[in-house]
Amino acid sequence: MDKQLIENSLIEAVKNCTKENGWANLAEVGAYLRNQGIKYGKLSKFVESYSHLVEYFVDKSIDPPIAYTRLVE
């Protein structure tokens, strides 16, 4: 699949899943990407490979931990 198409789909997914706090739940982003036909393997590694587009963090203060992402400003 074309890299630009994947990048555009990732940006669109994050924008569509972002909450009021500015962060998108990574699981929701993954579901959005799957619905767009994007295959990514391990989602956290996929997102980290696009660090020029998105930030990634895991909130370990809750159980179970939840991963989030947002667009780089």
Protein backbone atom coordinates (compact mmCIF):
# COMPACT_ATOMS: atom_id res chain seq x y z
CA MET A 1 0.00 0.00 0.00
CA ASP A 2 1.18 3.51 -0.82
CA LYS A 3 3.00 5.22 2.08
CA GLN A 4 1.20 8.54 1.49
CA LEU A 5 -2.18 6.78 1.59
CA ILE A 6 -1.25 5.11 4.88
CA GLU A 7 -0.07 8.42 6.37
CA ASN A 8 -3.26 10.18 5.26
CA SER A 9 -5.38 7.36 6.72
CA LEU A 10 -3.50 7.55 10.03
CA ILE A 11 -4.00 11.33 10.23
CA GLU A 12 -7.69 10.94 9.40
CA ALA A 13 -8.08 8.18 12.00
CA VAL A 14 -6.46 10.23 14.76
CA LYS A 15 -8.52 13.31 13.87
CA ASN A 16 -11.76 11.31 13.91
CA CYS A 17 -10.98 9.60 17.22
CA THR A 18 -9.57 12.58 19.15
CA LYS A 19 -11.45 13.53 22.31
CA GLU A 20 -11.77 16.92 24.03
CA ASN A 21 -8.43 16.40 25.81
CA GLY A 22 -6.64 16.28 22.45
CA TRP A 23 -5.76 12.58 22.62
CA ALA A 24 -7.23 9.62 20.72
CA ASN A 25 -7.58 6.16 22.25
CA LEU A 26 -5.21 3.94 20.29
CA ALA A 27 -7.71 1.06 20.16
CA GLU A 28 -10.26 3.34 18.49
CA VAL A 29 -7.64 4.53 16.01
CA GLY A 30 -6.80 0.91 15.21
CA ALA A 31 -10.45 0.05 14.60
CA TYR A 32 -10.78 3.05 12.29
CA LEU A 33 -7.67 2.02 10.34
CA ARG A 34 -8.93 -1.56 9.97
CA ASN A 35 -12.23 -0.24 8.63
CA GLN A 36 -10.20 1.72 6.05
CA GLY A 37 -8.41 -1.47 4.96
CA ILE A 38 -5.07 -0.56 6.55
CA LYS A 39 -3.12 -3.58 7.78
CA TYR A 40 -0.61 -2.75 10.48
CA GLY A 41 0.45 -5.77 12.57
CA LYS A 42 1.18 -4.54 16.11
CA LEU A 43 -0.58 -1.20 16.39
CA SER A 44 1.79 0.44 18.88
CA LYS A 45 4.81 -0.34 16.67
CA PHE A 46 2.92 0.90 13.62
CA VAL A 47 2.08 4.21 15.29
CA GLU A 48 5.62 4.62 16.64
CA SER A 49 6.95 4.21 13.10
CA TYR A 50 5.06 7.39 12.19
CA SER A 51 6.48 9.50 15.02
CA HIS A 52 6.90 12.39 12.58
CA LEU A 53 3.07 12.50 12.40
CA VAL A 54 1.82 11.34 15.80
CA GLU A 55 2.81 11.20 19.46
CA TYR A 56 2.16 8.06 21.48
CA PHE A 57 1.93 7.39 25.20
CA VAL A 58 0.57 4.78 27.57
CA ASP A 59 -1.33 5.86 30.68
CA LYS A 60 -0.05 3.38 33.25
CA SER A 61 -1.83 5.11 36.13
CA ILE A 62 -4.94 3.08 35.35
CA ASP A 63 -5.46 -0.66 35.19
CA PRO A 64 -5.37 -1.90 32.54
CA PRO A 65 -3.09 0.73 30.96
CA ILE A 66 -4.53 2.55 27.95
CA ALA A 67 -2.52 3.79 24.98
CA TYR A 68 -3.22 7.16 23.37
CA THR A 69 -2.00 9.05 20.35
CA ARG A 70 -2.34 12.57 18.95
CA LEU A 71 -1.12 14.49 15.95
CA VAL A 72 2.25 16.18 16.26
CA GLU A 73 1.82 19.95 16.37
